[in-house]
Amino acid sequence: MKLVKLQVTNFRNLEPDIISFNGNINCILGENGNGKTNILEALHVLVTRKSFRKNTTFPQLLSIDGDNPEILFSSLFLDDGDNVTFSGKMNPQGSTWALNGKNTKKKLDAKLVFINPFDSYSFSNIPSFRRKWFDDHLSMLSRDYKKVLNQYNSALKFRNILLSKKPSQFREQLNVIDRQMADYAYELVAMRNQFVTELIPFCENTYRDIFSEDHSLKIEVDSRFHGFSPEMIFDYMQQRLEKDLIVGHTTYQVHKDDYVLLFDGMNAYEFCSLGQQKMSYLSLLFAYIELFRYNFNTYPIVLIDDVSGELDKARWGRLVKFLEQREFQVLITTANEKFKEELEKINGANKIYISNGSVN
């Protein structure tokens, strides 16, 4: 599915202009503070119903105050040759959506991958960010993973509630929950390992294709439960139960697992330069995009928010060439004049110029 047109009203500083896109590379150009990232965010809210910016609520998205404040969305997509319209309205009470003119509660069946230059630091330094990154992206590939993850998280939440209360009253319930969580954990570890195994070949290829350098780039799941059966995981939880009861929450389970990025066999978070970490993270993202296509025979829509500060000029050119050779739809922003010049050289690219929220 590819985006053809987008119009938003009362969204941040954006004017209600109809913005047209092509099916390949769309360069959104303008000075800082003029609304480039807001276009990406508007599409993200339309498709996922949430912003990629942290802790963003409706009042922050709204451009005006009034008696009946609301944000309006209107869009046209092309899905396997068929036109798909998707529109919506958001206000303080909630939101309503329509697919091809008919009201729907379902989200649009479009997939987005958002590439934010600042996420490279978080990925390399914050384990919780890495866990969420892998959970989110694996959930896009596998409904089974998303289902089991939700079941696990619900059980974990209930377990922690019981642990925080009088433990003697809930021993039997904790035993039942631990059995369930052991089964869920076993499935999650297996699916995570499978995901990493499938992703690794694409990682090395994309690193070489983008940066013209040969390096080994691999990922490992860091879990205590490798090789464990559900019964072994249950036994482990029982052994830690007394400690969990004392502290009032679950001290370890698969929600504490981590992922290690290995650059030429070394832990990239500890031994790589900042530049190598950034390049490895970008390679991981584009590897995921290729794996997505391999699984579904279609690409997600790729949103790239100004990465010019993450790469030197030589690698800008490699990235632009890489994007030209791919078939996925890209929306890429920049305020950097030199990077803008590189993007403007792309044959057939759609150039969108924005100033003070208005597209021209």
Protein backbone atom coordinates (compact mmCIF):
# COMPACT_ATOMS: atom_id res chain seq x y z
CA MET A 1 0.00 0.00 0.00
CA LYS A 2 1.34 3.41 -0.99
CA LEU A 3 0.28 6.92 -0.07
CA VAL A 4 -1.04 9.09 -2.92
CA LYS A 5 -2.55 12.14 -1.20
CA LEU A 6 -2.76 13.48 2.35
CA GLN A 7 -4.65 16.44 3.79
CA VAL A 8 -4.88 17.42 7.45
CA THR A 9 -6.74 20.28 9.08
CA ASN A 10 -5.81 21.81 12.45
CA PHE A 11 -2.79 19.51 12.85
CA ARG A 12 0.08 21.39 14.53
CA ASN A 13 1.28 24.16 12.19
CA LEU A 14 0.24 22.46 8.93
CA GLU A 15 -2.06 24.29 6.54
CA PRO A 16 -4.89 22.18 5.05
CA ASP A 17 -3.05 21.74 1.76
CA ILE A 18 -3.51 18.59 -0.30
CA ILE A 19 -0.06 16.99 -0.43
CA SER A 20 0.65 14.63 -3.34
CA PHE A 21 3.18 11.80 -3.23
CA ASN A 22 4.73 9.47 -5.75
CA GLY A 23 5.29 5.77 -5.22
CA ASN A 24 9.04 5.97 -4.70
CA ILE A 25 11.07 8.83 -3.19
CA ASN A 26 9.41 11.91 -1.73
CA CYS A 27 11.76 14.62 -0.44
CA ILE A 28 10.19 17.01 2.07
CA LEU A 29 12.38 20.10 2.12
CA GLY A 30 12.38 23.30 4.15
CA GLU A 31 13.98 25.17 7.01
CA ASN A 32 13.81 23.89 10.58
CA GLY A 33 10.54 24.61 12.36
CA ASN A 34 8.44 24.85 9.21
CA GLY A 35 6.56 21.55 9.47
CA LYS A 36 8.56 18.84 7.68
CA THR A 37 8.43 16.37 10.56
CA ASN A 38 4.78 17.28 11.16
CA ILE A 39 3.89 15.78 7.78
CA LEU A 40 5.50 12.49 8.81
CA GLU A 41 3.77 12.68 12.18
CA ALA A 42 0.36 13.34 10.60
CA LEU A 43 0.70 10.22 8.47
CA HIS A 44 1.86 8.23 11.49
CA VAL A 45 -1.17 9.34 13.53
CA LEU A 46 -3.49 8.56 10.62
CA VAL A 47 -2.19 5.00 10.24
CA THR A 48 -1.34 4.02 13.84
CA ARG A 49 -3.54 6.51 15.77
CA LYS A 50 -0.58 7.63 17.82
CA SER A 51 2.39 9.94 17.41
CA PHE A 52 5.99 8.76 17.19
CA ARG A 53 6.80 11.59 19.60
CA LYS A 54 6.76 10.54 23.24
CA ASN A 55 3.94 11.53 25.59
CA THR A 56 2.00 13.35 22.87
CA THR A 57 -1.68 14.02 23.57
CA PHE A 58 -4.46 15.55 21.49
CA PRO A 59 -3.98 19.15 22.70
CA GLN A 60 -0.34 19.02 21.54
CA LEU A 61 -1.40 17.90 18.06
CA LEU A 62 -4.11 20.54 17.73
CA SER A 63 -3.14 23.78 16.02
CA ILE A 64 -6.00 25.92 17.33
CA ASP A 65 -8.29 26.31 20.33
CA GLY A 66 -12.02 26.72 19.90
CA ASP A 67 -15.50 25.74 21.00
CA ASN A 68 -15.28 22.52 18.99
CA PRO A 69 -11.59 21.74 18.49
CA GLU A 70 -10.93 18.86 16.13
CA ILE A 71 -8.32 17.52 13.74
CA LEU A 72 -9.44 16.25 10.35
CA PHE A 73 -7.59 13.69 8.22
CA SER A 74 -8.21 12.81 4.58
CA SER A 75 -6.06 10.47 2.52
CA LEU A 76 -5.87 8.40 -0.63
CA PHE A 77 -3.80 5.23 -0.89
CA LEU A 78 -3.10 2.83 -3.74
CA ASP A 79 -3.32 -0.83 -2.77
CA ASP A 80 -2.47 -3.33 -5.49
CA GLY A 81 -3.93 -1.03 -8.13
CA ASP A 82 -7.08 -0.15 -6.14
CA ASN A 83 -7.82 3.27 -4.68
CA VAL A 84 -8.37 3.27 -0.91
CA THR A 85 -9.68 6.35 0.88
CA PHE A 86 -9.19 6.73 4.62
CA SER A 87 -10.39 9.68 6.64
CA GLY A 88 -10.78 10.54 10.29
CA LYS A 89 -11.69 13.05 12.93
CA MET A 90 -10.01 13.50 16.31
CA ASN A 91 -11.32 15.58 19.21
CA PRO A 92 -10.95 15.59 23.01
CA GLN A 93 -13.63 12.88 23.29
CA GLY A 94 -11.92 10.42 20.94
CA SER A 95 -11.77 9.70 17.23
CA THR A 96 -13.87 8.35 14.36
CA TRP A 97 -12.58 6.83 11.12
CA ALA A 98 -13.92 5.89 7.71
CA LEU A 99 -12.57 3.44 5.14
CA ASN A 100 -13.83 4.07 1.60
CA GLY A 101 -16.61 6.21 3.07
CA LYS A 102 -17.81 3.62 5.61
CA ASN A 103 -17.29 4.02 9.34
CA THR A 104 -14.74 1.63 10.80
CA LYS A 105 -13.01 0.95 14.10
CA LYS A 106 -10.19 -0.93 12.42
CA LYS A 107 -6.87 0.67 11.65
CA LEU A 108 -5.81 1.13 8.06
CA ASP A 109 -3.98 -1.93 6.78
CA ALA A 110 -0.82 0.01 5.99
CA LYS A 111 2.56 -0.51 7.64
CA LEU A 112 5.05 2.22 8.49
CA VAL A 113 8.70 2.13 9.48
CA PHE A 114 9.90 5.36 11.08
CA ILE A 115 13.61 6.17 11.04
CA ASN A 116 14.58 8.83 13.54
CA PRO A 117 18.26 9.83 13.81
CA PHE A 118 18.02 10.27 17.59
CA ASP A 119 16.88 6.67 18.07
CA SER A 120 20.36 5.36 17.31
CA TYR A 121 21.61 6.61 20.69
CA SER A 122 18.61 5.16 22.53
CA PHE A 123 19.01 1.81 20.79
CA SER A 124 22.67 1.57 21.76
CA ASN A 125 22.29 2.75 25.35
CA ILE A 126 18.82 1.91 26.67
CA PRO A 127 17.85 -1.79 26.97
CA SER A 128 14.15 -0.97 27.42
CA PHE A 129 14.21 0.92 24.10
CA ARG A 130 15.77 -2.09 22.37
CA ARG A 131 13.17 -4.43 23.85
CA LYS A 132 10.33 -2.20 22.67
CA TRP A 133 11.94 -1.81 19.24
CA PHE A 134 12.11 -5.56 18.72
CA ASP A 135 8.65 -6.17 20.20
CA ASP A 136 7.08 -3.52 17.95
CA HIS A 137 8.80 -4.63 14.77
CA LEU A 138 8.33 -8.33 15.37
CA SER A 139 4.64 -7.69 16.10
CA MET A 140 4.34 -6.09 12.65
CA LEU A 141 5.66 -9.30 11.11
CA SER A 142 3.79 -11.82 13.24
CA ARG A 143 0.25 -11.67 14.59
CA ASP A 144 1.06 -14.75 16.64
CA TYR A 145 3.91 -12.93 18.36
CA LYS A 146 1.72 -9.91 19.06
CA LYS A 147 -1.01 -12.14 20.50
CA VAL A 148 1.33 -14.10 22.79
CA LEU A 149 3.13 -10.91 23.86
CA ASN A 150 -0.19 -9.32 24.86
CA GLN A 151 -1.17 -12.46 26.77
CA TYR A 152 2.18 -12.47 28.54
CA ASN A 153 1.96 -8.78 29.45
CA SER A 154 -1.56 -9.21 30.83
CA ALA A 155 -0.43 -12.15 32.97
CA LEU A 156 2.64 -10.20 34.13
CA LYS A 157 0.51 -7.23 35.14
CA PHE A 158 -1.86 -9.44 37.13
CA ARG A 159 1.05 -11.30 38.75
CA ASN A 160 2.61 -8.04 39.89
CA ILE A 161 -0.71 -6.91 41.38
CA LEU A 162 -0.91 -10.12 43.39
CA LEU A 163 2.72 -9.85 44.50
CA SER A 164 2.08 -6.36 45.85
CA LYS A 165 -0.80 -7.59 48.04
CA LYS A 166 -0.89 -10.10 50.91
CA PRO A 167 1.01 -13.01 49.35
CA SER A 168 -0.33 -15.78 51.58
CA GLN A 169 -3.81 -15.35 50.09
CA PHE A 170 -2.72 -15.71 46.48
CA ARG A 171 -0.27 -18.62 46.38
CA GLU A 172 -2.59 -20.81 44.34
CA GLN A 173 -3.36 -18.04 41.86
CA LEU A 174 0.34 -17.25 41.51
CA ASN A 175 1.01 -20.89 40.73
CA VAL A 176 -1.58 -20.86 37.93
CA ILE A 177 -0.24 -17.58 36.51
CA ASP A 178 3.34 -18.86 36.61
CA ARG A 179 2.28 -21.90 34.56
CA GLN A 180 0.72 -19.61 31.97
CA MET A 181 3.68 -17.24 31.89
CA ALA A 182 6.12 -20.13 31.47
CA ASP A 183 4.22 -21.27 28.36
CA TYR A 184 4.08 -17.73 26.96
CA ALA A 185 7.77 -17.13 27.69
CA TYR A 186 8.76 -20.34 25.93
CA GLU A 187 6.89 -19.25 22.79
CA LEU A 188 8.28 -15.71 22.89
CA VAL A 189 11.91 -16.83 23.18
CA ALA A 190 11.44 -19.23 20.25
CA MET A 191 9.86 -16.56 18.04
CA ARG A 192 12.51 -13.98 18.96
CA ASN A 193 15.30 -16.38 18.06
CA GLN A 194 13.59 -17.18 14.76
CA PHE A 195 13.19 -13.47 13.98
CA VAL A 196 16.86 -12.77 14.64
CA THR A 197 17.93 -15.76 12.54
CA GLU A 198 15.89 -14.47 9.59
CA LEU A 199 17.08 -10.88 10.02
CA ILE A 200 20.85 -11.46 10.20
CA PRO A 201 21.50 -12.15 6.47
CA PHE A 202 19.70 -8.94 5.52
CA CYS A 203 21.74 -6.95 8.09
CA GLU A 204 25.08 -7.73 6.49
CA ASN A 205 23.76 -7.15 2.97
CA THR A 206 22.24 -3.76 3.76
CA TYR A 207 25.35 -2.57 5.61
CA ARG A 208 27.45 -3.40 2.57
CA ASP A 209 24.93 -1.92 0.11
CA ILE A 210 24.56 1.38 1.97
CA PHE A 211 28.06 1.99 3.26
CA SER A 212 30.15 0.01 0.76
CA GLU A 213 32.02 -1.68 3.59
CA ASP A 214 32.30 -5.37 4.46
CA HIS A 215 31.61 -6.01 8.12
CA SER A 216 29.97 -8.78 10.05
CA LEU A 217 26.72 -7.55 11.61
CA LYS A 218 24.80 -10.00 13.75
CA ILE A 219 22.19 -9.98 16.52
CA GLU A 220 21.83 -12.24 19.53
CA VAL A 221 18.92 -12.64 21.91
CA ASP A 222 20.27 -12.29 25.45
CA SER A 223 17.96 -14.52 27.50
CA ARG A 224 18.42 -16.86 30.44
CA PHE A 225 15.82 -19.16 28.93
CA HIS A 226 17.70 -20.42 25.85
CA GLY A 227 17.13 -24.17 25.70
CA PHE A 228 14.58 -24.09 28.51
CA SER A 229 11.33 -26.05 28.31
CA PRO A 230 8.12 -24.51 29.71
CA GLU A 231 8.55 -26.70 32.80
CA MET A 232 12.10 -25.44 33.34
CA ILE A 233 10.92 -21.83 33.05
CA PHE A 234 8.17 -22.55 35.58
CA ASP A 235 10.69 -24.08 37.98
CA TYR A 236 12.91 -21.00 37.60
CA MET A 237 9.98 -18.74 38.48
CA GLN A 238 9.19 -20.84 41.52
CA GLN A 239 12.79 -20.56 42.70
CA ARG A 240 12.56 -16.75 42.51
CA LEU A 241 9.09 -16.51 44.01
CA GLU A 242 10.23 -15.67 47.54
CA LYS A 243 12.40 -12.83 46.26
CA ASP A 244 9.53 -11.59 44.09
CA LEU A 245 7.22 -11.64 47.13
CA ILE A 246 9.67 -9.58 49.17
CA VAL A 247 10.11 -6.85 46.53
CA GLY A 248 6.48 -6.99 45.39
CA HIS A 249 7.04 -7.50 41.65
CA THR A 250 8.46 -9.94 39.10
CA THR A 251 12.24 -9.55 39.19
CA TYR A 252 13.03 -11.52 36.03
CA GLN A 253 11.19 -12.97 33.06
CA VAL A 254 11.38 -12.58 29.30
CA HIS A 255 10.28 -8.93 29.50
CA LYS A 256 13.82 -8.34 30.84
CA ASP A 257 15.55 -10.09 27.94
CA ASP A 258 17.84 -8.01 25.74
CA TYR A 259 19.28 -7.99 22.23
CA VAL A 260 22.98 -7.65 21.50
CA LEU A 261 24.20 -6.17 18.22
CA LEU A 262 27.55 -7.69 17.24
CA PHE A 263 29.83 -5.70 14.94
CA ASP A 264 32.65 -7.92 13.67
CA GLY A 265 31.96 -10.16 16.64
CA MET A 266 32.16 -7.36 19.24
CA ASN A 267 29.36 -5.90 21.31
CA ALA A 268 28.49 -2.78 19.31
CA TYR A 269 27.12 -0.96 22.36
CA GLU A 270 30.42 -1.23 24.23
CA PHE A 271 33.20 -1.31 21.64
CA CYS A 272 31.99 0.48 18.51
CA SER A 273 32.47 4.14 17.73
CA LEU A 274 29.44 6.41 17.68
CA GLY A 275 29.59 6.42 13.88
CA GLN A 276 29.65 2.63 13.68
CA GLN A 277 26.70 2.45 16.07
CA LYS A 278 24.71 4.83 13.87
CA MET A 279 25.54 2.92 10.70
CA SER A 280 24.71 -0.40 12.36
CA TYR A 281 21.35 0.91 13.53
CA LEU A 282 20.45 2.23 10.07
CA SER A 283 21.49 -1.09 8.55
CA LEU A 284 19.28 -2.92 11.04
CA LEU A 285 16.28 -0.78 10.07
CA PHE A 286 16.72 -1.28 6.35
CA ALA A 287 17.39 -4.98 6.91
CA TYR A 288 14.04 -5.18 8.67
CA ILE A 289 12.37 -3.47 5.70
CA GLU A 290 13.84 -6.09 3.35
CA LEU A 291 12.74 -8.91 5.67
CA PHE A 292 9.25 -7.41 5.71
CA ARG A 293 9.14 -7.53 1.92
CA TYR A 294 10.49 -11.11 1.92
CA ASN A 295 7.66 -12.20 4.22
CA PHE A 296 4.75 -10.27 2.68
CA ASN A 297 5.91 -9.56 -0.89
CA THR A 298 5.28 -5.87 -0.26
CA TYR A 299 7.15 -3.03 1.39
CA PRO A 300 6.08 -0.81 4.30
CA ILE A 301 6.04 2.95 3.81
CA VAL A 302 9.36 4.30 5.07
CA LEU A 303 9.50 7.61 6.96
CA ILE A 304 13.00 9.08 7.37
CA ASP A 305 13.35 12.18 9.53
CA ASP A 306 16.51 14.12 8.70
CA VAL A 307 19.45 11.71 9.00
CA SER A 308 21.97 14.16 7.54
CA GLY A 309 23.52 14.79 10.95
CA GLU A 310 24.16 11.08 11.46
CA LEU A 311 26.25 10.49 8.32
CA ASP A 312 29.13 12.19 6.57
CA LYS A 313 28.75 13.52 3.02
CA ALA A 314 30.23 10.42 1.37
CA ARG A 315 27.68 8.20 3.09
CA TRP A 316 24.83 10.56 2.17
CA GLY A 317 25.54 9.70 -1.44
CA ARG A 318 25.58 5.97 -0.68
CA LEU A 319 22.27 6.24 1.16
CA VAL A 320 20.66 8.18 -1.70
CA LYS A 321 21.89 5.60 -4.21
CA PHE A 322 20.57 2.81 -2.00
CA LEU A 323 17.13 4.45 -1.83
CA GLU A 324 17.06 4.96 -5.60
CA GLN A 325 17.62 1.24 -6.14
CA ARG A 326 14.76 0.17 -3.87
CA GLU A 327 11.07 -0.15 -4.68
CA PHE A 328 9.62 1.05 -1.38
CA GLN A 329 7.91 4.39 -0.89
CA VAL A 330 10.03 6.84 1.09
CA LEU A 331 9.16 10.14 2.73
CA ILE A 332 12.45 11.77 3.73
CA THR A 333 12.98 15.19 5.30
CA THR A 334 15.98 17.47 5.59
CA ALA A 335 16.88 21.06 6.34
CA ASN A 336 20.56 20.49 5.53
CA GLU A 337 21.45 22.35 2.33
CA LYS A 338 24.17 19.91 1.26
CA PHE A 339 21.98 16.86 1.84
CA LYS A 340 19.12 18.69 0.10
CA GLU A 341 21.35 19.03 -2.96
CA GLU A 342 21.96 15.27 -2.92
CA LEU A 343 18.24 14.54 -2.68
CA GLU A 344 17.36 16.99 -5.45
CA LYS A 345 19.63 15.02 -7.80
CA ILE A 346 17.44 11.92 -7.51
CA ASN A 347 15.86 11.21 -10.87
CA GLY A 348 12.07 11.13 -10.61
CA ALA A 349 11.94 12.14 -6.96
CA ASN A 350 8.89 14.09 -5.79
CA LYS A 351 10.07 17.29 -4.13
CA ILE A 352 7.76 18.83 -1.53
CA TYR A 353 8.76 22.29 -0.31
CA ILE A 354 7.22 23.53 2.93
CA SER A 355 7.34 26.96 4.54
CA ASN A 356 5.42 28.04 7.65
CA GLY A 357 3.29 24.90 7.43
CA SER A 358 2.25 25.52 3.84
CA VAL A 359 3.26 23.22 0.97
CA ASN A 360 4.19 24.76 -2.34
